[in-house]
Amino acid sequence: MRITFLGTGTSQGVPVIACRCTVCQSTEPRDRRLRTSILVCFDDGTQIVVDTGPDFRYQMLREDVRQLDAVLVTHAHKDHIAGMDDVRAFNYQQQGPIPIYGTTVTHESLMREFYYAFGEQKYPGVPRLELKTIVAGEAFPIGEQHILPLEVMHYKMPVMGFRMGNFAYITDAKTVSDESKALLDGVEVLVVNALQEEPHISHFTKEEAIAFAEEIGAKTTYLTHISHRFGKHTAIEETLPKGIYLAYDGLVIEVR
C-alpha cells in the first residue's frame, strides 16, 4: 500500500495565525504543516483518507485525488472533521455516497455538525455520507483490505487508531491500554502523534512517542501531529533515534 501524508500539523496548523516564532517564519517547506490526515492507496486500487480536517479540499487538490472510496474518522474534533462537506465533490464525480467509518459517538457528532446532510428533506447538492459504525477491536473490510480499529485515549476522549496489515496509524493519543498495544503486535511501520517537547494533557510528547514506538517494536516510525512549539524539522530530526523520523506534508511511503 502507498501512504501519503496529507497533513502533519496540529489543530492550528503551522504556521499559526499571527505567530512570529522562528518555526512559523521558517522558509523550509517541511515546516509548513496542514492539519493531520493521510491518504491510503491499497494494492487493489482502493483509496481512503483518514480524517477530513479544515484543509481537506486543498489536500485533495494538491495530491490530485480523483477517487475516494471511504473516509475513516479518528474522532470528532474540528481539526479532524471540519472539511467533511467537501466530500460532496466525490459524490458528484462517483455518483454515489461515500462510506464514513467511525464510532457511534463520532457519528452522532457528525450528524450535529452536518445536520443538513442527514435531514429527511435534503437540499440539492449536500454531501451524501453513508455512516458505517466501527467498534474497537473488530476488523472491517474495505475493498480487499481488512482494517482493525483500536482505541487510544486523548486525555479522557476515546480516539480510534487504525491498523492496516503491517501499518498502523495513531493520532491524538496520550495513553494506550495494554489491550490496544496487543493489537499492534507485529506492526512494522507506525505513525504516531508527537506534539512537542513539553508535557501536554492530551498528546504524546516527543519522548513519550519514542518510548511508545520502542515498546511496540516497529521497525520504522513516523511522528505526526506536530506543533510549532516542537521546533524546526531539520533540528528535530537530528535528535531522533535510528528508525524514527519526522513526517512532513507530502511525504509518501510504501508499506508491504
C-alpha atoms as a PDB file:
ATOM      1  CA  MET A   1       0.000   0.000   0.000  1.00  0.00           C
ATOM      2  CA  ARG A   2       1.039   3.616  -0.513  1.00  0.00           C
ATOM      3  CA  ILE A   3       0.533   6.223   2.228  1.00  0.00           C
ATOM      4  CA  THR A   4       0.657   9.944   1.527  1.00  0.00           C
ATOM      5  CA  PHE A   5       0.847  12.377   4.442  1.00  0.00           C
ATOM      6  CA  LEU A   6      -1.759  14.991   3.530  1.00  0.00           C
ATOM      7  CA  GLY A   7      -1.065  16.995   6.667  1.00  0.00           C
ATOM      8  CA  THR A   8       1.175  16.608   9.718  1.00  0.00           C
ATOM      9  CA  GLY A   9       0.278  19.650  11.813  1.00  0.00           C
ATOM     10  CA  THR A  10      -1.716  20.050  14.983  1.00  0.00           C
ATOM     11  CA  SER A  11      -5.105  21.756  15.294  1.00  0.00           C
ATOM     12  CA  GLN A  12      -3.803  25.243  14.402  1.00  0.00           C
ATOM     13  CA  GLY A  13      -1.521  24.079  11.625  1.00  0.00           C
ATOM     14  CA  VAL A  14       1.948  25.532  11.053  1.00  0.00           C
ATOM     15  CA  PRO A  15       2.461  28.445  10.643  1.00  0.00           C
ATOM     16  CA  VAL A  16      -0.010  29.558  13.285  1.00  0.00           C
ATOM     17  CA  ILE A  17      -2.050  32.668  12.504  1.00  0.00           C
ATOM     18  CA  ALA A  18      -0.276  35.856  13.693  1.00  0.00           C
ATOM     19  CA  CYS A  19       2.644  33.928  15.240  1.00  0.00           C
ATOM     20  CA  ARG A  20       6.134  35.333  14.713  1.00  0.00           C
ATOM     21  CA  CYS A  21       8.150  32.447  16.177  1.00  0.00           C
ATOM     22  CA  THR A  22      11.113  31.057  14.221  1.00  0.00           C
ATOM     23  CA  VAL A  23       9.186  27.942  13.173  1.00  0.00           C
ATOM     24  CA  CYS A  24       6.209  29.881  11.839  1.00  0.00           C
ATOM     25  CA  GLN A  25       8.586  32.224   9.995  1.00  0.00           C
ATOM     26  CA  SER A  26      10.647  29.372   8.541  1.00  0.00           C
ATOM     27  CA  THR A  27      11.025  29.143   4.759  1.00  0.00           C
ATOM     28  CA  GLU A  28      11.753  25.391   4.915  1.00  0.00           C
ATOM     29  CA  PRO A  29       8.817  23.654   3.128  1.00  0.00           C
ATOM     30  CA  ARG A  30       8.779  20.827   5.694  1.00  0.00           C
ATOM     31  CA  ASP A  31       7.989  23.358   8.434  1.00  0.00           C
ATOM     32  CA  ARG A  32       4.655  24.185   6.789  1.00  0.00           C
ATOM     33  CA  ARG A  33       2.057  21.761   8.126  1.00  0.00           C
ATOM     34  CA  LEU A  34      -1.620  21.398   7.307  1.00  0.00           C
ATOM     35  CA  ARG A  35      -3.985  19.643   9.698  1.00  0.00           C
ATOM     36  CA  THR A  36      -3.220  15.950  10.203  1.00  0.00           C
ATOM     37  CA  SER A  37      -4.544  13.427   7.675  1.00  0.00           C
ATOM     38  CA  ILE A  38      -3.330  10.615   5.422  1.00  0.00           C
ATOM     39  CA  LEU A  39      -4.325   9.170   2.064  1.00  0.00           C
ATOM     40  CA  VAL A  40      -4.006   5.395   1.734  1.00  0.00           C
ATOM     41  CA  CYS A  41      -3.970   3.650  -1.647  1.00  0.00           C
ATOM     42  CA  PHE A  42      -4.262  -0.126  -1.347  1.00  0.00           C
ATOM     43  CA  ASP A  43      -2.771  -2.526  -3.854  1.00  0.00           C
ATOM     44  CA  ASP A  44      -6.219  -3.233  -5.355  1.00  0.00           C
ATOM     45  CA  GLY A  45      -6.626   0.473  -6.206  1.00  0.00           C
ATOM     46  CA  THR A  46      -8.977   1.304  -3.316  1.00  0.00           C
ATOM     47  CA  GLN A  47      -8.288   4.777  -1.892  1.00  0.00           C
ATOM     48  CA  ILE A  48      -9.274   6.065   1.535  1.00  0.00           C
ATOM     49  CA  VAL A  49      -8.467   9.041   3.713  1.00  0.00           C
ATOM     50  CA  VAL A  50      -8.160   9.127   7.470  1.00  0.00           C
ATOM     51  CA  ASP A  51      -9.876  12.312   8.725  1.00  0.00           C
ATOM     52  CA  THR A  52     -11.172  15.286   6.763  1.00  0.00           C
ATOM     53  CA  GLY A  53      -9.853  18.350   8.548  1.00  0.00           C
ATOM     54  CA  PRO A  54     -10.219  22.029   7.599  1.00  0.00           C
ATOM     55  CA  ASP A  55      -7.596  21.609   4.850  1.00  0.00           C
ATOM     56  CA  PHE A  56      -9.278  18.601   3.179  1.00  0.00           C
ATOM     57  CA  ARG A  57     -10.243  20.439  -0.029  1.00  0.00           C
ATOM     58  CA  TYR A  58      -6.735  21.791  -0.617  1.00  0.00           C
ATOM     59  CA  GLN A  59      -5.151  18.430   0.271  1.00  0.00           C
ATOM     60  CA  MET A  60      -7.295  16.654  -2.333  1.00  0.00           C
ATOM     61  CA  LEU A  61      -6.400  19.240  -4.969  1.00  0.00           C
ATOM     62  CA  ARG A  62      -2.698  19.207  -4.117  1.00  0.00           C
ATOM     63  CA  GLU A  63      -2.469  15.424  -4.448  1.00  0.00           C
ATOM     64  CA  ASP A  64      -4.811  15.345  -7.479  1.00  0.00           C
ATOM     65  CA  VAL A  65      -7.082  12.781  -5.808  1.00  0.00           C
ATOM     66  CA  ARG A  66      -9.795  11.754  -8.258  1.00  0.00           C
ATOM     67  CA  GLN A  67     -11.229   8.754  -6.432  1.00  0.00           C
ATOM     68  CA  LEU A  68     -12.308   8.342  -2.823  1.00  0.00           C
ATOM     69  CA  ASP A  69     -13.752   5.031  -1.638  1.00  0.00           C
ATOM     70  CA  ALA A  70     -14.135   5.734   2.080  1.00  0.00           C
ATOM     71  CA  VAL A  71     -13.264   8.033   4.967  1.00  0.00           C
ATOM     72  CA  LEU A  72     -12.058   6.768   8.339  1.00  0.00           C
ATOM     73  CA  VAL A  73     -12.679   9.187  11.213  1.00  0.00           C
ATOM     74  CA  THR A  74     -10.466   9.003  14.290  1.00  0.00           C
ATOM     75  CA  HIS A  75     -12.656  11.314  16.391  1.00  0.00           C
ATOM     76  CA  ALA A  76     -14.903  14.346  16.102  1.00  0.00           C
ATOM     77  CA  HIS A  77     -12.638  17.269  16.995  1.00  0.00           C
ATOM     78  CA  LYS A  78     -12.935  20.011  14.374  1.00  0.00           C
ATOM     79  CA  ASP A  79      -9.360  19.664  13.122  1.00  0.00           C
ATOM     80  CA  HIS A  80     -10.294  16.122  12.039  1.00  0.00           C
ATOM     81  CA  ILE A  81     -13.789  16.597  10.582  1.00  0.00           C
ATOM     82  CA  ALA A  82     -14.261  20.251   9.539  1.00  0.00           C
ATOM     83  CA  GLY A  83     -13.728  19.532   5.835  1.00  0.00           C
ATOM     84  CA  MET A  84     -16.325  16.752   5.612  1.00  0.00           C
ATOM     85  CA  ASP A  85     -18.648  18.899   3.485  1.00  0.00           C
ATOM     86  CA  ASP A  86     -16.167  18.759   0.595  1.00  0.00           C
ATOM     87  CA  VAL A  87     -16.750  15.027   0.253  1.00  0.00           C
ATOM     88  CA  ARG A  88     -19.664  16.112  -1.967  1.00  0.00           C
ATOM     89  CA  ALA A  89     -17.258  16.646  -4.855  1.00  0.00           C
ATOM     90  CA  PHE A  90     -16.614  12.907  -4.863  1.00  0.00           C
ATOM     91  CA  ASN A  91     -20.348  12.227  -4.521  1.00  0.00           C
ATOM     92  CA  TYR A  92     -20.829  14.103  -7.780  1.00  0.00           C
ATOM     93  CA  GLN A  93     -17.910  12.524  -9.640  1.00  0.00           C
ATOM     94  CA  GLN A  94     -18.668   8.977  -8.462  1.00  0.00           C
ATOM     95  CA  GLN A  95     -22.472   9.307  -8.469  1.00  0.00           C
ATOM     96  CA  GLY A  96     -22.923   7.765  -5.031  1.00  0.00           C
ATOM     97  CA  PRO A  97     -22.491   8.241  -1.281  1.00  0.00           C
ATOM     98  CA  ILE A  98     -19.120   7.973   0.461  1.00  0.00           C
ATOM     99  CA  PRO A  99     -18.893   5.488   3.378  1.00  0.00           C
ATOM    100  CA  ILE A 100     -17.810   7.240   6.586  1.00  0.00           C
ATOM    101  CA  TYR A 101     -16.372   4.819   9.154  1.00  0.00           C
ATOM    102  CA  GLY A 102     -16.457   5.948  12.783  1.00  0.00           C
ATOM    103  CA  THR A 103     -17.749   5.104  16.222  1.00  0.00           C
ATOM    104  CA  THR A 104     -21.334   5.741  17.265  1.00  0.00           C
ATOM    105  CA  VAL A 105     -20.206   8.783  19.278  1.00  0.00           C
ATOM    106  CA  THR A 106     -18.318  10.192  16.293  1.00  0.00           C
ATOM    107  CA  HIS A 107     -21.317   9.669  14.017  1.00  0.00           C
ATOM    108  CA  GLU A 108     -23.554  11.498  16.490  1.00  0.00           C
ATOM    109  CA  SER A 109     -21.186  14.474  16.297  1.00  0.00           C
ATOM    110  CA  LEU A 110     -21.172  14.384  12.503  1.00  0.00           C
ATOM    111  CA  MET A 111     -24.970  14.394  12.441  1.00  0.00           C
ATOM    112  CA  ARG A 112     -24.963  17.507  14.651  1.00  0.00           C
ATOM    113  CA  GLU A 113     -22.212  19.332  12.786  1.00  0.00           C
ATOM    114  CA  PHE A 114     -23.507  18.492   9.298  1.00  0.00           C
ATOM    115  CA  TYR A 115     -27.206  18.240  10.125  1.00  0.00           C
ATOM    116  CA  TYR A 116     -28.189  19.354   6.625  1.00  0.00           C
ATOM    117  CA  ALA A 117     -26.694  16.159   5.178  1.00  0.00           C
ATOM    118  CA  PHE A 118     -28.910  13.919   7.284  1.00  0.00           C
ATOM    119  CA  GLY A 119     -32.355  15.543   7.273  1.00  0.00           C
ATOM    120  CA  GLU A 120     -35.319  13.910   5.589  1.00  0.00           C
ATOM    121  CA  GLN A 121     -35.656  16.839   3.178  1.00  0.00           C
ATOM    122  CA  LYS A 122     -32.158  17.370   1.804  1.00  0.00           C
ATOM    123  CA  TYR A 123     -31.203  20.496  -0.100  1.00  0.00           C
ATOM    124  CA  PRO A 124     -29.773  19.650  -3.549  1.00  0.00           C
ATOM    125  CA  GLY A 125     -26.001  19.277  -3.519  1.00  0.00           C
ATOM    126  CA  VAL A 126     -25.465  18.417   0.170  1.00  0.00           C
ATOM    127  CA  PRO A 127     -22.820  15.770   0.878  1.00  0.00           C
ATOM    128  CA  ARG A 128     -24.018  12.172   0.756  1.00  0.00           C
ATOM    129  CA  LEU A 129     -22.468  10.425   3.750  1.00  0.00           C
ATOM    130  CA  GLU A 130     -23.100   6.734   4.413  1.00  0.00           C
ATOM    131  CA  LEU A 131     -22.334   6.212   8.105  1.00  0.00           C
ATOM    132  CA  LYS A 132     -20.651   2.881   8.897  1.00  0.00           C
ATOM    133  CA  THR A 133     -20.251   2.107  12.599  1.00  0.00           C
ATOM    134  CA  ILE A 134     -16.976   0.612  13.825  1.00  0.00           C
ATOM    135  CA  VAL A 135     -16.044  -0.885  17.180  1.00  0.00           C
ATOM    136  CA  ALA A 136     -12.538  -1.029  18.655  1.00  0.00           C
ATOM    137  CA  GLY A 137     -11.016  -4.467  18.230  1.00  0.00           C
ATOM    138  CA  GLU A 138     -13.421  -5.543  15.471  1.00  0.00           C
ATOM    139  CA  ALA A 139     -11.906  -5.560  11.977  1.00  0.00           C
ATOM    140  CA  PHE A 140     -13.926  -4.410   8.970  1.00  0.00           C
ATOM    141  CA  PRO A 141     -13.314  -4.742   5.212  1.00  0.00           C
ATOM    142  CA  ILE A 142     -12.751  -2.016   2.633  1.00  0.00           C
ATOM    143  CA  GLY A 143     -12.023  -3.479  -0.772  1.00  0.00           C
ATOM    144  CA  GLU A 144      -9.645  -6.396  -0.267  1.00  0.00           C
ATOM    145  CA  GLN A 145      -8.166  -4.889   2.908  1.00  0.00           C
ATOM    146  CA  HIS A 146      -9.295  -5.623   6.461  1.00  0.00           C
ATOM    147  CA  ILE A 147      -8.828  -2.677   8.817  1.00  0.00           C
ATOM    148  CA  LEU A 148      -8.566  -3.074  12.568  1.00  0.00           C
ATOM    149  CA  PRO A 149      -9.662  -0.103  14.707  1.00  0.00           C
ATOM    150  CA  LEU A 150      -8.084   0.253  18.136  1.00  0.00           C
ATOM    151  CA  GLU A 151      -8.814   2.668  20.946  1.00  0.00           C
ATOM    152  CA  VAL A 152      -6.388   5.202  22.371  1.00  0.00           C
ATOM    153  CA  MET A 153      -7.173   7.956  24.843  1.00  0.00           C
ATOM    154  CA  HIS A 154      -6.940  11.667  24.012  1.00  0.00           C
ATOM    155  CA  TYR A 155      -6.987  12.720  27.678  1.00  0.00           C
ATOM    156  CA  LYS A 156     -10.494  11.400  28.541  1.00  0.00           C
ATOM    157  CA  MET A 157     -11.741  11.133  24.947  1.00  0.00           C
ATOM    158  CA  PRO A 158     -11.587   7.800  23.088  1.00  0.00           C
ATOM    159  CA  VAL A 159      -9.932   8.074  19.676  1.00  0.00           C
ATOM    160  CA  MET A 160      -9.659   5.384  17.017  1.00  0.00           C
ATOM    161  CA  GLY A 161      -6.306   4.341  15.672  1.00  0.00           C
ATOM    162  CA  PHE A 162      -6.199   2.021  12.669  1.00  0.00           C
ATOM    163  CA  ARG A 163      -4.092  -0.999  11.782  1.00  0.00           C
ATOM    164  CA  MET A 164      -3.870  -1.992   8.130  1.00  0.00           C
ATOM    165  CA  GLY A 165      -1.708  -5.069   7.764  1.00  0.00           C
ATOM    166  CA  ASN A 166       1.851  -4.163   8.779  1.00  0.00           C
ATOM    167  CA  PHE A 167       0.967  -0.462   9.068  1.00  0.00           C
ATOM    168  CA  ALA A 168      -0.668   1.398  11.968  1.00  0.00           C
ATOM    169  CA  TYR A 169      -1.816   4.994  12.244  1.00  0.00           C
ATOM    170  CA  ILE A 170      -2.404   6.642  15.638  1.00  0.00           C
ATOM    171  CA  THR A 171      -3.046  10.294  16.290  1.00  0.00           C
ATOM    172  CA  ASP A 172      -4.183  12.364  19.285  1.00  0.00           C
ATOM    173  CA  ALA A 173      -3.027   9.738  21.777  1.00  0.00           C
ATOM    174  CA  LYS A 174      -1.903  10.380  25.333  1.00  0.00           C
ATOM    175  CA  THR A 175      -2.394   6.902  26.801  1.00  0.00           C
ATOM    176  CA  VAL A 176      -2.797   3.476  25.207  1.00  0.00           C
ATOM    177  CA  SER A 177      -4.129   0.443  27.071  1.00  0.00           C
ATOM    178  CA  ASP A 178      -2.364  -2.907  27.140  1.00  0.00           C
ATOM    179  CA  GLU A 179      -5.291  -4.342  25.167  1.00  0.00           C
ATOM    180  CA  SER A 180      -4.756  -1.852  22.351  1.00  0.00           C
ATOM    181  CA  LYS A 181      -0.993  -2.346  22.423  1.00  0.00           C
ATOM    182  CA  ALA A 182      -1.566  -6.068  21.922  1.00  0.00           C
ATOM    183  CA  LEU A 183      -3.453  -5.291  18.710  1.00  0.00           C
ATOM    184  CA  LEU A 184      -0.284  -3.639  17.387  1.00  0.00           C
ATOM    185  CA  ASP A 185       1.862  -6.743  17.775  1.00  0.00           C
ATOM    186  CA  GLY A 186       3.940  -7.251  14.643  1.00  0.00           C
ATOM    187  CA  VAL A 187       3.367  -3.794  13.162  1.00  0.00           C
ATOM    188  CA  GLU A 188       6.387  -2.817  11.063  1.00  0.00           C
ATOM    189  CA  VAL A 189       5.535   0.782  10.171  1.00  0.00           C
ATOM    190  CA  LEU A 190       3.957   3.034  12.794  1.00  0.00           C
ATOM    191  CA  VAL A 191       2.681   6.595  12.564  1.00  0.00           C
ATOM    192  CA  VAL A 192       2.075   8.260  15.926  1.00  0.00           C
ATOM    193  CA  ASN A 193       1.468  11.770  17.246  1.00  0.00           C
ATOM    194  CA  ALA A 194       4.226  13.750  18.929  1.00  0.00           C
ATOM    195  CA  LEU A 195       3.011  17.253  19.678  1.00  0.00           C
ATOM    196  CA  GLN A 196       6.033  18.911  21.287  1.00  0.00           C
ATOM    197  CA  GLU A 197       8.853  18.518  23.799  1.00  0.00           C
ATOM    198  CA  GLU A 198       6.939  19.835  26.813  1.00  0.00           C
ATOM    199  CA  PRO A 199       4.315  17.742  28.666  1.00  0.00           C
ATOM    200  CA  HIS A 200       0.757  18.038  27.369  1.00  0.00           C
ATOM    201  CA  ILE A 201      -2.519  16.871  28.879  1.00  0.00           C
ATOM    202  CA  SER A 202      -3.851  15.061  25.803  1.00  0.00           C
ATOM    203  CA  HIS A 203      -0.961  14.348  23.399  1.00  0.00           C
ATOM    204  CA  PHE A 204       2.254  12.361  23.426  1.00  0.00           C
ATOM    205  CA  THR A 205       5.402  14.427  23.727  1.00  0.00           C
ATOM    206  CA  LYS A 206       8.404  13.525  21.596  1.00  0.00           C
ATOM    207  CA  GLU A 207       9.884  11.333  24.312  1.00  0.00           C
ATOM    208  CA  GLU A 208       6.545   9.633  25.033  1.00  0.00           C
ATOM    209  CA  ALA A 209       6.034   8.910  21.336  1.00  0.00           C
ATOM    210  CA  ILE A 210       9.552   7.469  21.035  1.00  0.00           C
ATOM    211  CA  ALA A 211       9.031   5.292  24.112  1.00  0.00           C
ATOM    212  CA  PHE A 212       5.706   4.055  22.718  1.00  0.00           C
ATOM    213  CA  ALA A 213       7.269   3.221  19.343  1.00  0.00           C
ATOM    214  CA  GLU A 214      10.088   1.333  21.013  1.00  0.00           C
ATOM    215  CA  GLU A 215       7.607  -0.604  23.168  1.00  0.00           C
ATOM    216  CA  ILE A 216       5.567  -1.581  20.111  1.00  0.00           C
ATOM    217  CA  GLY A 217       8.756  -2.618  18.345  1.00  0.00           C
ATOM    218  CA  ALA A 218       8.004  -1.095  14.942  1.00  0.00           C
ATOM    219  CA  LYS A 219      10.923  -1.173  12.527  1.00  0.00           C
ATOM    220  CA  THR A 220      10.085   2.309  11.270  1.00  0.00           C
ATOM    221  CA  THR A 221       8.125   5.084  12.976  1.00  0.00           C
ATOM    222  CA  TYR A 222       6.959   8.453  11.670  1.00  0.00           C
ATOM    223  CA  LEU A 223       5.941  11.236  14.048  1.00  0.00           C
ATOM    224  CA  THR A 224       2.989  13.437  13.112  1.00  0.00           C
ATOM    225  CA  HIS A 225       0.524  15.986  14.580  1.00  0.00           C
ATOM    226  CA  ILE A 226       3.393  18.422  15.099  1.00  0.00           C
ATOM    227  CA  SER A 227       3.076  21.793  16.859  1.00  0.00           C
ATOM    228  CA  HIS A 228       5.060  24.929  16.040  1.00  0.00           C
ATOM    229  CA  ARG A 229       6.355  24.675  19.620  1.00  0.00           C
ATOM    230  CA  PHE A 230       8.226  21.488  18.703  1.00  0.00           C
ATOM    231  CA  GLY A 231      10.901  23.228  16.666  1.00  0.00           C
ATOM    232  CA  LYS A 232      12.153  23.177  13.085  1.00  0.00           C
ATOM    233  CA  HIS A 233      12.011  19.973  11.084  1.00  0.00           C
ATOM    234  CA  THR A 234      15.750  19.629  10.485  1.00  0.00           C
ATOM    235  CA  ALA A 235      16.611  20.311  14.126  1.00  0.00           C
ATOM    236  CA  ILE A 236      14.102  17.760  15.430  1.00  0.00           C
ATOM    237  CA  GLU A 237      15.268  15.026  13.048  1.00  0.00           C
ATOM    238  CA  GLU A 238      18.821  15.327  14.368  1.00  0.00           C
ATOM    239  CA  THR A 239      17.593  14.310  17.841  1.00  0.00           C
ATOM    240  CA  LEU A 240      15.617  11.224  16.817  1.00  0.00           C
ATOM    241  CA  PRO A 241      16.806   7.631  17.330  1.00  0.00           C
ATOM    242  CA  LYS A 242      17.513   5.313  14.410  1.00  0.00           C
ATOM    243  CA  GLY A 243      14.351   4.193  12.663  1.00  0.00           C
ATOM    244  CA  ILE A 244      12.251   7.133  13.892  1.00  0.00           C
ATOM    245  CA  TYR A 245      11.549  10.011  11.524  1.00  0.00           C
ATOM    246  CA  LEU A 246       9.585  13.224  11.461  1.00  0.00           C
ATOM    247  CA  ALA A 247       6.793  13.092   8.881  1.00  0.00           C
ATOM    248  CA  TYR A 248       6.070  16.112   6.697  1.00  0.00           C
ATOM    249  CA  ASP A 249       3.302  17.167   4.347  1.00  0.00           C
ATOM    250  CA  GLY A 250       3.537  15.378   1.003  1.00  0.00           C
ATOM    251  CA  LEU A 251       5.751  12.554   2.272  1.00  0.00           C
ATOM    252  CA  VAL A 252       4.938   9.260   0.521  1.00  0.00           C
ATOM    253  CA  ILE A 253       5.858   5.853   1.943  1.00  0.00           C
ATOM    254  CA  GLU A 254       5.307   2.322   0.674  1.00  0.00           C
ATOM    255  CA  VAL A 255       4.324  -0.465   3.078  1.00  0.00           C
ATOM    256  CA  ARG A 256       4.314  -4.163   2.210  1.00  0.00           C
END
